[in-house]
Amino acid sequence: MEDDRPLAALTAEFLRAEGFTVAVEHRGDHAAQRILDEQPALLILDVMLPGIDGFTLCRQIRDHYPGLILMMTALDENAEQL
Protein backbone atom coordinates (compact mmCIF):
# COMPACT_ATOMS: atom_id res chain seq x y z
CA MET A 1 0.00 0.00 0.00
CA GLU A 2 1.60 3.19 -1.17
CA ASP A 3 0.03 6.60 -1.79
CA ASP A 4 2.94 7.96 -3.87
CA ARG A 5 1.83 6.64 -7.25
CA PRO A 6 5.18 7.00 -9.08
CA LEU A 7 7.00 5.23 -6.22
CA ALA A 8 4.33 2.53 -6.10
CA ALA A 9 4.62 1.98 -9.86
CA LEU A 10 8.42 1.79 -9.70
CA THR A 11 8.36 -0.64 -6.78
CA ALA A 12 5.72 -2.80 -8.47
CA GLU A 13 7.69 -2.82 -11.74
CA PHE A 14 10.86 -3.93 -9.93
CA LEU A 15 9.06 -6.70 -8.03
CA ARG A 16 7.29 -7.95 -11.17
CA ALA A 17 10.64 -8.05 -13.01
CA GLU A 18 11.88 -10.30 -10.20
CA GLY A 19 8.93 -12.67 -10.75
CA PHE A 20 6.53 -11.52 -8.03
CA THR A 21 2.80 -10.98 -8.50
CA VAL A 22 2.01 -7.45 -7.32
CA ALA A 23 -1.20 -5.62 -6.44
CA VAL A 24 -1.21 -1.97 -5.38
CA GLU A 25 -3.73 -0.08 -3.26
CA HIS A 26 -3.21 3.66 -2.72
CA ARG A 27 -5.51 4.30 0.27
CA GLY A 28 -5.34 2.69 3.68
CA ASP A 29 -9.10 2.86 4.17
CA HIS A 30 -9.62 0.80 0.99
CA ALA A 31 -7.00 -1.80 1.85
CA ALA A 32 -8.13 -3.75 4.93
CA GLN A 33 -10.86 -5.85 3.33
CA ARG A 34 -8.77 -6.46 0.22
CA ILE A 35 -5.86 -7.73 2.33
CA LEU A 36 -8.14 -10.03 4.31
CA ASP A 37 -9.83 -11.34 1.15
CA GLU A 38 -6.65 -11.84 -0.90
CA GLN A 39 -4.26 -12.90 1.91
CA PRO A 40 -1.02 -11.91 0.12
CA ALA A 41 2.22 -13.61 1.16
CA LEU A 42 3.83 -10.22 1.87
CA LEU A 43 2.35 -6.82 2.56
CA ILE A 44 4.39 -3.64 2.10
CA LEU A 45 2.69 -0.81 3.98
CA ASP A 46 3.54 2.87 3.78
CA VAL A 47 3.34 4.51 7.19
CA MET A 48 1.76 7.67 5.74
CA LEU A 49 -1.32 6.45 3.84
CA PRO A 50 -4.42 8.58 3.24
CA GLY A 51 -7.64 7.46 4.87
CA ILE A 52 -6.01 5.19 7.46
CA ASP A 53 -2.29 5.32 8.21
CA GLY A 54 -0.15 2.20 7.86
CA PHE A 55 0.20 1.62 11.62
CA THR A 56 -3.57 1.73 12.15
CA LEU A 57 -4.14 -0.55 9.16
CA CYS A 58 -1.55 -2.99 10.50
CA ARG A 59 -3.30 -3.11 13.88
CA GLN A 60 -6.70 -3.65 12.21
CA ILE A 61 -5.63 -6.65 10.13
CA ARG A 62 -2.95 -8.29 12.28
CA ASP A 63 -5.25 -10.77 14.06
CA HIS A 64 -6.65 -12.03 10.73
CA TYR A 65 -3.63 -11.72 8.45
CA PRO A 66 -0.83 -14.23 9.18
CA GLY A 67 1.49 -13.03 6.41
CA LEU A 68 4.59 -10.86 6.60
CA ILE A 69 4.25 -7.08 6.89
CA LEU A 70 7.03 -4.72 5.85
CA MET A 71 6.55 -1.09 6.88
CA MET A 72 7.99 1.68 4.67
CA THR A 73 8.42 5.34 5.54
CA ALA A 74 9.80 8.51 4.06
CA LEU A 75 9.90 9.99 7.57
CA ASP A 76 13.44 10.89 8.52
CA GLU A 77 13.39 10.85 12.30
CA ASN A 78 15.25 7.83 13.73
CA ALA A 79 12.45 7.10 16.22
CA GLU A 80 9.88 7.10 13.41
CA GLN A 81 12.01 4.77 11.30
CA LEU A 82 12.36 2.27 14.15
PDB file of N, CA and C in Angstrom:
ATOM      1  N   MET A   1       0.852  -1.152   0.000  1.00  0.00           N
ATOM      2  CA  MET A   1       0.000   0.000   0.000  1.00  0.00           C
ATOM      3  C   MET A   1       0.903   1.221   0.000  1.00  0.00           C
ATOM      4  N   GLU A   2       0.743   2.019  -1.000  1.00  0.00           N
ATOM      5  CA  GLU A   2       1.601   3.193  -1.167  1.00  0.00           C
ATOM      6  C   GLU A   2       0.797   4.295  -1.826  1.00  0.00           C
ATOM      7  N   ASP A   3       0.806   5.498  -1.231  1.00  0.00           N
ATOM      8  CA  ASP A   3       0.031   6.597  -1.788  1.00  0.00           C
ATOM      9  C   ASP A   3       0.803   7.400  -2.827  1.00  0.00           C
ATOM     10  N   ASP A   4       2.119   7.287  -2.862  1.00  0.00           N
ATOM     11  CA  ASP A   4       2.941   7.964  -3.871  1.00  0.00           C
ATOM     12  C   ASP A   4       2.906   7.108  -5.135  1.00  0.00           C
ATOM     13  N   ARG A   5       2.071   7.489  -6.077  1.00  0.00           N
ATOM     14  CA  ARG A   5       1.826   6.644  -7.253  1.00  0.00           C
ATOM     15  C   ARG A   5       3.081   6.351  -8.078  1.00  0.00           C
ATOM     16  N   PRO A   6       3.966   7.328  -8.341  1.00  0.00           N
ATOM     17  CA  PRO A   6       5.184   6.996  -9.085  1.00  0.00           C
ATOM     18  C   PRO A   6       6.079   5.999  -8.326  1.00  0.00           C
ATOM     19  N   LEU A   7       6.208   6.170  -7.013  1.00  0.00           N
ATOM     20  CA  LEU A   7       7.003   5.232  -6.220  1.00  0.00           C
ATOM     21  C   LEU A   7       6.356   3.855  -6.200  1.00  0.00           C
ATOM     22  N   ALA A   8       5.044   3.807  -6.084  1.00  0.00           N
ATOM     23  CA  ALA A   8       4.335   2.526  -6.102  1.00  0.00           C
ATOM     24  C   ALA A   8       4.535   1.821  -7.434  1.00  0.00           C
ATOM     25  N   ALA A   9       4.445   2.574  -8.540  1.00  0.00           N
ATOM     26  CA  ALA A   9       4.623   1.977  -9.863  1.00  0.00           C
ATOM     27  C   ALA A   9       6.044   1.451 -10.045  1.00  0.00           C
ATOM     28  N   LEU A  10       7.024   2.210  -9.597  1.00  0.00           N
ATOM     29  CA  LEU A  10       8.424   1.790  -9.705  1.00  0.00           C
ATOM     30  C   LEU A  10       8.692   0.539  -8.871  1.00  0.00           C
ATOM     31  N   THR A  11       8.182   0.520  -7.653  1.00  0.00           N
ATOM     32  CA  THR A  11       8.357  -0.640  -6.777  1.00  0.00           C
ATOM     33  C   THR A  11       7.671  -1.865  -7.368  1.00  0.00           C
ATOM     34  N   ALA A  12       6.460  -1.696  -7.857  1.00  0.00           N
ATOM     35  CA  ALA A  12       5.719  -2.802  -8.465  1.00  0.00           C
ATOM     36  C   ALA A  12       6.449  -3.324  -9.700  1.00  0.00           C
ATOM     37  N   GLU A  13       6.963  -2.419 -10.531  1.00  0.00           N
ATOM     38  CA  GLU A  13       7.690  -2.816 -11.741  1.00  0.00           C
ATOM     39  C   GLU A  13       8.932  -3.640 -11.379  1.00  0.00           C
ATOM     40  N   PHE A  14       9.666  -3.192 -10.371  1.00  0.00           N
ATOM     41  CA  PHE A  14      10.856  -3.927  -9.932  1.00  0.00           C
ATOM     42  C   PHE A  14      10.481  -5.318  -9.431  1.00  0.00           C
ATOM     43  N   LEU A  15       9.463  -5.402  -8.583  1.00  0.00           N
ATOM     44  CA  LEU A  15       9.065  -6.696  -8.030  1.00  0.00           C
ATOM     45  C   LEU A  15       8.533  -7.637  -9.106  1.00  0.00           C
ATOM     46  N   ARG A  16       7.782  -7.113 -10.053  1.00  0.00           N
ATOM     47  CA  ARG A  16       7.292  -7.950 -11.166  1.00  0.00           C
ATOM     48  C   ARG A  16       8.450  -8.474 -12.010  1.00  0.00           C
ATOM     49  N   ALA A  17       9.459  -7.629 -12.243  1.00  0.00           N
ATOM     50  CA  ALA A  17      10.639  -8.046 -13.008  1.00  0.00           C
ATOM     51  C   ALA A  17      11.389  -9.168 -12.299  1.00  0.00           C
ATOM     52  N   GLU A  18      11.236  -9.239 -10.988  1.00  0.00           N
ATOM     53  CA  GLU A  18      11.878 -10.304 -10.201  1.00  0.00           C
ATOM     54  C   GLU A  18      10.974 -11.529 -10.061  1.00  0.00           C
ATOM     55  N   GLY A  19       9.812 -11.501 -10.716  1.00  0.00           N
ATOM     56  CA  GLY A  19       8.932 -12.668 -10.748  1.00  0.00           C
ATOM     57  C   GLY A  19       7.798 -12.676  -9.741  1.00  0.00           C
ATOM     58  N   PHE A  20       7.600 -11.584  -9.029  1.00  0.00           N
ATOM     59  CA  PHE A  20       6.531 -11.516  -8.034  1.00  0.00           C
ATOM     60  C   PHE A  20       5.226 -11.040  -8.668  1.00  0.00           C
ATOM     61  N   THR A  21       4.118 -11.496  -8.143  1.00  0.00           N
ATOM     62  CA  THR A  21       2.801 -10.978  -8.498  1.00  0.00           C
ATOM     63  C   THR A  21       2.540  -9.809  -7.557  1.00  0.00           C
ATOM     64  N   VAL A  22       2.146  -8.677  -8.110  1.00  0.00           N
ATOM     65  CA  VAL A  22       2.014  -7.451  -7.318  1.00  0.00           C
ATOM     66  C   VAL A  22       0.632  -6.843  -7.507  1.00  0.00           C
ATOM     67  N   ALA A  23       0.035  -6.397  -6.414  1.00  0.00           N
ATOM     68  CA  ALA A  23      -1.201  -5.616  -6.436  1.00  0.00           C
ATOM     69  C   ALA A  23      -0.940  -4.361  -5.613  1.00  0.00           C
ATOM     70  N   VAL A  24      -1.457  -3.240  -6.060  1.00  0.00           N
ATOM     71  CA  VAL A  24      -1.215  -1.967  -5.376  1.00  0.00           C
ATOM     72  C   VAL A  24      -2.547  -1.354  -4.970  1.00  0.00           C
ATOM     73  N   GLU A  25      -2.579  -0.835  -3.756  1.00  0.00           N
ATOM     74  CA  GLU A  25      -3.729  -0.079  -3.259  1.00  0.00           C
ATOM     75  C   GLU A  25      -3.162   1.229  -2.720  1.00  0.00           C
ATOM     76  N   HIS A  26      -3.777   2.356  -3.075  1.00  0.00           N
ATOM     77  CA  HIS A  26      -3.213   3.658  -2.715  1.00  0.00           C
ATOM     78  C   HIS A  26      -3.810   4.276  -1.458  1.00  0.00           C
ATOM     79  N   ARG A  27      -4.881   3.729  -0.927  1.00  0.00           N
ATOM     80  CA  ARG A  27      -5.513   4.299   0.268  1.00  0.00           C
ATOM     81  C   ARG A  27      -5.632   3.239   1.359  1.00  0.00           C
ATOM     82  N   GLY A  28      -5.249   3.613   2.563  1.00  0.00           N
ATOM     83  CA  GLY A  28      -5.337   2.692   3.679  1.00  0.00           C
ATOM     84  C   GLY A  28      -6.754   2.263   3.991  1.00  0.00           C
ATOM     85  N   ASP A  29      -7.713   3.187   3.841  1.00  0.00           N
ATOM     86  CA  ASP A  29      -9.100   2.855   4.166  1.00  0.00           C
ATOM     87  C   ASP A  29      -9.751   1.962   3.115  1.00  0.00           C
ATOM     88  N   HIS A  30      -9.112   1.737   1.997  1.00  0.00           N
ATOM     89  CA  HIS A  30      -9.620   0.804   0.987  1.00  0.00           C
ATOM     90  C   HIS A  30      -8.907  -0.544   1.054  1.00  0.00           C
ATOM     91  N   ALA A  31      -7.897  -0.649   1.893  1.00  0.00           N
ATOM     92  CA  ALA A  31      -7.003  -1.803   1.848  1.00  0.00           C
ATOM     93  C   ALA A  31      -7.382  -2.962   2.763  1.00  0.00           C
ATOM     94  N   ALA A  32      -7.936  -2.704   3.921  1.00  0.00           N
ATOM     95  CA  ALA A  32      -8.129  -3.755   4.926  1.00  0.00           C
ATOM     96  C   ALA A  32      -8.904  -4.953   4.386  1.00  0.00           C
ATOM     97  N   GLN A  33     -10.061  -4.730   3.807  1.00  0.00           N
ATOM     98  CA  GLN A  33     -10.864  -5.853   3.328  1.00  0.00           C
ATOM     99  C   GLN A  33     -10.170  -6.585   2.190  1.00  0.00           C
ATOM    100  N   ARG A  34      -9.508  -5.833   1.334  1.00  0.00           N
ATOM    101  CA  ARG A  34      -8.771  -6.458   0.220  1.00  0.00           C
ATOM    102  C   ARG A  34      -7.662  -7.372   0.737  1.00  0.00           C
ATOM    103  N   ILE A  35      -6.936  -6.921   1.736  1.00  0.00           N
ATOM    104  CA  ILE A  35      -5.862  -7.734   2.329  1.00  0.00           C
ATOM    105  C   ILE A  35      -6.447  -9.004   2.921  1.00  0.00           C
ATOM    106  N   LEU A  36      -7.527  -8.866   3.673  1.00  0.00           N
ATOM    107  CA  LEU A  36      -8.135 -10.029   4.312  1.00  0.00           C
ATOM    108  C   LEU A  36      -8.713 -10.996   3.296  1.00  0.00           C
ATOM    109  N   ASP A  37      -9.265 -10.476   2.198  1.00  0.00           N
ATOM    110  CA  ASP A  37      -9.828 -11.338   1.147  1.00  0.00           C
ATOM    111  C   ASP A  37      -8.731 -12.039   0.348  1.00  0.00           C
ATOM    112  N   GLU A  38      -7.690 -11.312  -0.014  1.00  0.00           N
ATOM    113  CA  GLU A  38      -6.654 -11.837  -0.901  1.00  0.00           C
ATOM    114  C   GLU A  38      -5.529 -12.572  -0.176  1.00  0.00           C
ATOM    115  N   GLN A  39      -5.294 -12.257   1.096  1.00  0.00           N
ATOM    116  CA  GLN A  39      -4.257 -12.899   1.908  1.00  0.00           C
ATOM    117  C   GLN A  39      -2.911 -12.997   1.169  1.00  0.00           C
ATOM    118  N   PRO A  40      -2.312 -11.860   0.812  1.00  0.00           N
ATOM    119  CA  PRO A  40      -1.023 -11.907   0.115  1.00  0.00           C
ATOM    120  C   PRO A  40       0.070 -12.486   1.009  1.00  0.00           C
ATOM    121  N   ALA A  41       1.111 -13.028   0.393  1.00  0.00           N
ATOM    122  CA  ALA A  41       2.222 -13.607   1.157  1.00  0.00           C
ATOM    123  C   ALA A  41       3.021 -12.529   1.886  1.00  0.00           C
ATOM    124  N   LEU A  42       3.094 -11.345   1.296  1.00  0.00           N
ATOM    125  CA  LEU A  42       3.830 -10.225   1.870  1.00  0.00           C
ATOM    126  C   LEU A  42       3.042  -8.953   1.645  1.00  0.00           C
ATOM    127  N   LEU A  43       3.032  -8.099   2.641  1.00  0.00           N
ATOM    128  CA  LEU A  43       2.346  -6.816   2.562  1.00  0.00           C
ATOM    129  C   LEU A  43       3.377  -5.725   2.830  1.00  0.00           C
ATOM    130  N   ILE A  44       3.513  -4.790   1.902  1.00  0.00           N
ATOM    131  CA  ILE A  44       4.393  -3.641   2.105  1.00  0.00           C
ATOM    132  C   ILE A  44       3.490  -2.451   2.363  1.00  0.00           C
ATOM    133  N   LEU A  45       3.571  -1.910   3.570  1.00  0.00           N
ATOM    134  CA  LEU A  45       2.690  -0.806   3.982  1.00  0.00           C
ATOM    135  C   LEU A  45       3.486   0.478   4.146  1.00  0.00           C
ATOM    136  N   ASP A  46       2.989   1.542   3.548  1.00  0.00           N
ATOM    137  CA  ASP A  46       3.541   2.869   3.778  1.00  0.00           C
ATOM    138  C   ASP A  46       2.971   3.366   5.107  1.00  0.00           C
ATOM    139  N   VAL A  47       3.799   3.977   5.910  1.00  0.00           N
ATOM    140  CA  VAL A  47       3.340   4.513   7.194  1.00  0.00           C
ATOM    141  C   VAL A  47       2.338   5.647   6.976  1.00  0.00           C
ATOM    142  N   MET A  48       2.569   6.483   5.968  1.00  0.00           N
ATOM    143  CA  MET A  48       1.759   7.674   5.742  1.00  0.00           C
ATOM    144  C   MET A  48       0.765   7.448   4.598  1.00  0.00           C
ATOM    145  N   LEU A  49      -0.276   6.688   4.838  1.00  0.00           N
ATOM    146  CA  LEU A  49      -1.322   6.449   3.840  1.00  0.00           C
ATOM    147  C   LEU A  49      -2.502   7.376   4.089  1.00  0.00           C
ATOM    148  N   PRO A  50      -3.187   7.811   3.038  1.00  0.00           N
ATOM    149  CA  PRO A  50      -4.418   8.585   3.242  1.00  0.00           C
ATOM    150  C   PRO A  50      -5.554   7.664   3.691  1.00  0.00           C
ATOM    151  N   GLY A  51      -6.486   8.233   4.399  1.00  0.00           N
ATOM    152  CA  GLY A  51      -7.638   7.458   4.870  1.00  0.00           C
ATOM    153  C   GLY A  51      -7.367   6.817   6.212  1.00  0.00           C
ATOM    154  N   ILE A  52      -6.470   5.849   6.231  1.00  0.00           N
ATOM    155  CA  ILE A  52      -6.013   5.192   7.464  1.00  0.00           C
ATOM    156  C   ILE A  52      -4.504   5.014   7.317  1.00  0.00           C
ATOM    157  N   ASP A  53      -3.741   5.453   8.312  1.00  0.00           N
ATOM    158  CA  ASP A  53      -2.288   5.325   8.208  1.00  0.00           C
ATOM    159  C   ASP A  53      -1.865   3.856   8.319  1.00  0.00           C
ATOM    160  N   GLY A  54      -0.653   3.569   7.896  1.00  0.00           N
ATOM    161  CA  GLY A  54      -0.152   2.202   7.862  1.00  0.00           C
ATOM    162  C   GLY A  54      -0.138   1.509   9.211  1.00  0.00           C
ATOM    163  N   PHE A  55       0.177   2.238  10.283  1.00  0.00           N
ATOM    164  CA  PHE A  55       0.198   1.619  11.617  1.00  0.00           C
ATOM    165  C   PHE A  55      -1.211   1.196  12.036  1.00  0.00           C
ATOM    166  N   THR A  56      -2.189   2.057  11.806  1.00  0.00           N
ATOM    167  CA  THR A  56      -3.570   1.728  12.149  1.00  0.00           C
ATOM    168  C   THR A  56      -4.057   0.551  11.324  1.00  0.00           C
ATOM    169  N   LEU A  57      -3.762   0.556  10.040  1.00  0.00           N
ATOM    170  CA  LEU A  57      -4.140  -0.550   9.163  1.00  0.00           C
ATOM    171  C   LEU A  57      -3.508  -1.853   9.640  1.00  0.00           C
ATOM    172  N   CYS A  58      -2.246  -1.805   9.996  1.00  0.00           N
ATOM    173  CA  CYS A  58      -1.552  -2.991  10.496  1.00  0.00           C
ATOM    174  C   CYS A  58      -2.248  -3.546  11.738  1.00  0.00           C
ATOM    175  N   ARG A  59      -2.604  -2.665  12.672  1.00  0.00           N
ATOM    176  CA  ARG A  59      -3.297  -3.111  13.885  1.00  0.00           C
ATOM    177  C   ARG A  59      -4.671  -3.714  13.556  1.00  0.00           C
ATOM    178  N   GLN A  60      -5.360  -3.153  12.571  1.00  0.00           N
ATOM    179  CA  GLN A  60      -6.697  -3.648  12.207  1.00  0.00           C
ATOM    180  C   GLN A  60      -6.659  -5.060  11.628  1.00  0.00           C
ATOM    181  N   ILE A  61      -5.654  -5.360  10.843  1.00  0.00           N
ATOM    182  CA  ILE A  61      -5.635  -6.649  10.132  1.00  0.00           C
ATOM    183  C   ILE A  61      -4.815  -7.722  10.814  1.00  0.00           C
ATOM    184  N   ARG A  62      -3.950  -7.357  11.735  1.00  0.00           N
ATOM    185  CA  ARG A  62      -2.948  -8.286  12.277  1.00  0.00           C
ATOM    186  C   ARG A  62      -3.547  -9.589  12.802  1.00  0.00           C
ATOM    187  N   ASP A  63      -4.661  -9.549  13.490  1.00  0.00           N
ATOM    188  CA  ASP A  63      -5.250 -10.775  14.061  1.00  0.00           C
ATOM    189  C   ASP A  63      -5.804 -11.723  13.000  1.00  0.00           C
ATOM    190  N   HIS A  64      -6.035 -11.215  11.782  1.00  0.00           N
ATOM    191  CA  HIS A  64      -6.651 -12.029  10.732  1.00  0.00           C
ATOM    192  C   HIS A  64      -5.769 -12.190   9.502  1.00  0.00           C
ATOM    193  N   TYR A  65      -4.568 -11.622   9.557  1.00  0.00           N
ATOM    194  CA  TYR A  65      -3.625 -11.722   8.446  1.00  0.00           C
ATOM    195  C   TYR A  65      -2.322 -12.312   8.977  1.00  0.00           C
ATOM    196  N   PRO A  66      -2.030 -13.575   8.639  1.00  0.00           N
ATOM    197  CA  PRO A  66      -0.834 -14.233   9.177  1.00  0.00           C
ATOM    198  C   PRO A  66       0.441 -13.966   8.382  1.00  0.00           C
ATOM    199  N   GLY A  67       0.337 -13.250   7.272  1.00  0.00           N
ATOM    200  CA  GLY A  67       1.493 -13.026   6.407  1.00  0.00           C
ATOM    201  C   GLY A  67       2.478 -12.012   6.975  1.00  0.00           C
ATOM    202  N   LEU A  68       3.549 -11.814   6.221  1.00  0.00           N
ATOM    203  CA  LEU A  68       4.587 -10.861   6.597  1.00  0.00           C
ATOM    204  C   LEU A  68       4.154  -9.439   6.273  1.00  0.00           C
ATOM    205  N   ILE A  69       4.545  -8.497   7.124  1.00  0.00           N
ATOM    206  CA  ILE A  69       4.254  -7.083   6.894  1.00  0.00           C
ATOM    207  C   ILE A  69       5.556  -6.309   6.974  1.00  0.00           C
ATOM    208  N   LEU A  70       5.865  -5.583   5.908  1.00  0.00           N
ATOM    209  CA  LEU A  70       7.032  -4.719   5.851  1.00  0.00           C
ATOM    210  C   LEU A  70       6.528  -3.285   5.844  1.00  0.00           C
ATOM    211  N   MET A  71       6.975  -2.483   6.793  1.00  0.00           N
ATOM    212  CA  MET A  71       6.552  -1.085   6.878  1.00  0.00           C
ATOM    213  C   MET A  71       7.596  -0.210   6.187  1.00  0.00           C
ATOM    214  N   MET A  72       7.117   0.719   5.350  1.00  0.00           N
ATOM    215  CA  MET A  72       7.992   1.676   4.668  1.00  0.00           C
ATOM    216  C   MET A  72       7.649   3.078   5.154  1.00  0.00           C
ATOM    217  N   THR A  73       8.675   3.951   5.168  1.00  0.00           N
ATOM    218  CA  THR A  73       8.418   5.337   5.539  1.00  0.00           C
ATOM    219  C   THR A  73       9.408   6.263   4.869  1.00  0.00           C
ATOM    220  N   ALA A  74       8.931   7.450   4.555  1.00  0.00           N
ATOM    221  CA  ALA A  74       9.804   8.510   4.065  1.00  0.00           C
ATOM    222  C   ALA A  74      10.145   9.457   5.221  1.00  0.00           C
ATOM    223  N   LEU A  75       9.599   9.172   6.400  1.00  0.00           N
ATOM    224  CA  LEU A  75       9.905   9.989   7.571  1.00  0.00           C
ATOM    225  C   LEU A  75      11.382   9.852   7.890  1.00  0.00           C
ATOM    226  N   ASP A  76      11.998  10.939   8.339  1.00  0.00           N
ATOM    227  CA  ASP A  76      13.443  10.892   8.518  1.00  0.00           C
ATOM    228  C   ASP A  76      13.910  10.884   9.968  1.00  0.00           C
ATOM    229  N   GLU A  77      13.001  10.930  10.900  1.00  0.00           N
ATOM    230  CA  GLU A  77      13.394  10.847  12.305  1.00  0.00           C
ATOM    231  C   GLU A  77      13.734   9.413  12.662  1.00  0.00           C
ATOM    232  N   ASN A  78      14.824   9.188  13.368  1.00  0.00           N
ATOM    233  CA  ASN A  78      15.249   7.832  13.735  1.00  0.00           C
ATOM    234  C   ASN A  78      14.166   7.091  14.493  1.00  0.00           C
ATOM    235  N   ALA A  79      13.493   7.752  15.433  1.00  0.00           N
ATOM    236  CA  ALA A  79      12.451   7.102  16.218  1.00  0.00           C
ATOM    237  C   ALA A  79      11.297   6.669  15.332  1.00  0.00           C
ATOM    238  N   GLU A  80      10.958   7.461  14.323  1.00  0.00           N
ATOM    239  CA  GLU A  80       9.877   7.098  13.415  1.00  0.00           C
ATOM    240  C   GLU A  80      10.272   5.939  12.534  1.00  0.00           C
ATOM    241  N   GLN A  81      11.542   5.845  12.151  1.00  0.00           N
ATOM    242  CA  GLN A  81      12.005   4.768  11.302  1.00  0.00           C
ATOM    243  C   GLN A  81      12.059   3.447  12.059  1.00  0.00           C
ATOM    244  N   LEU A  82      12.336   3.498  13.358  1.00  0.00           N
ATOM    245  CA  LEU A  82      12.360   2.273  14.154  1.00  0.00           C
ATOM    246  C   LEU A  82      10.960   1.771  14.369  1.00  0.00           C
TER     247      LEU A  82
END
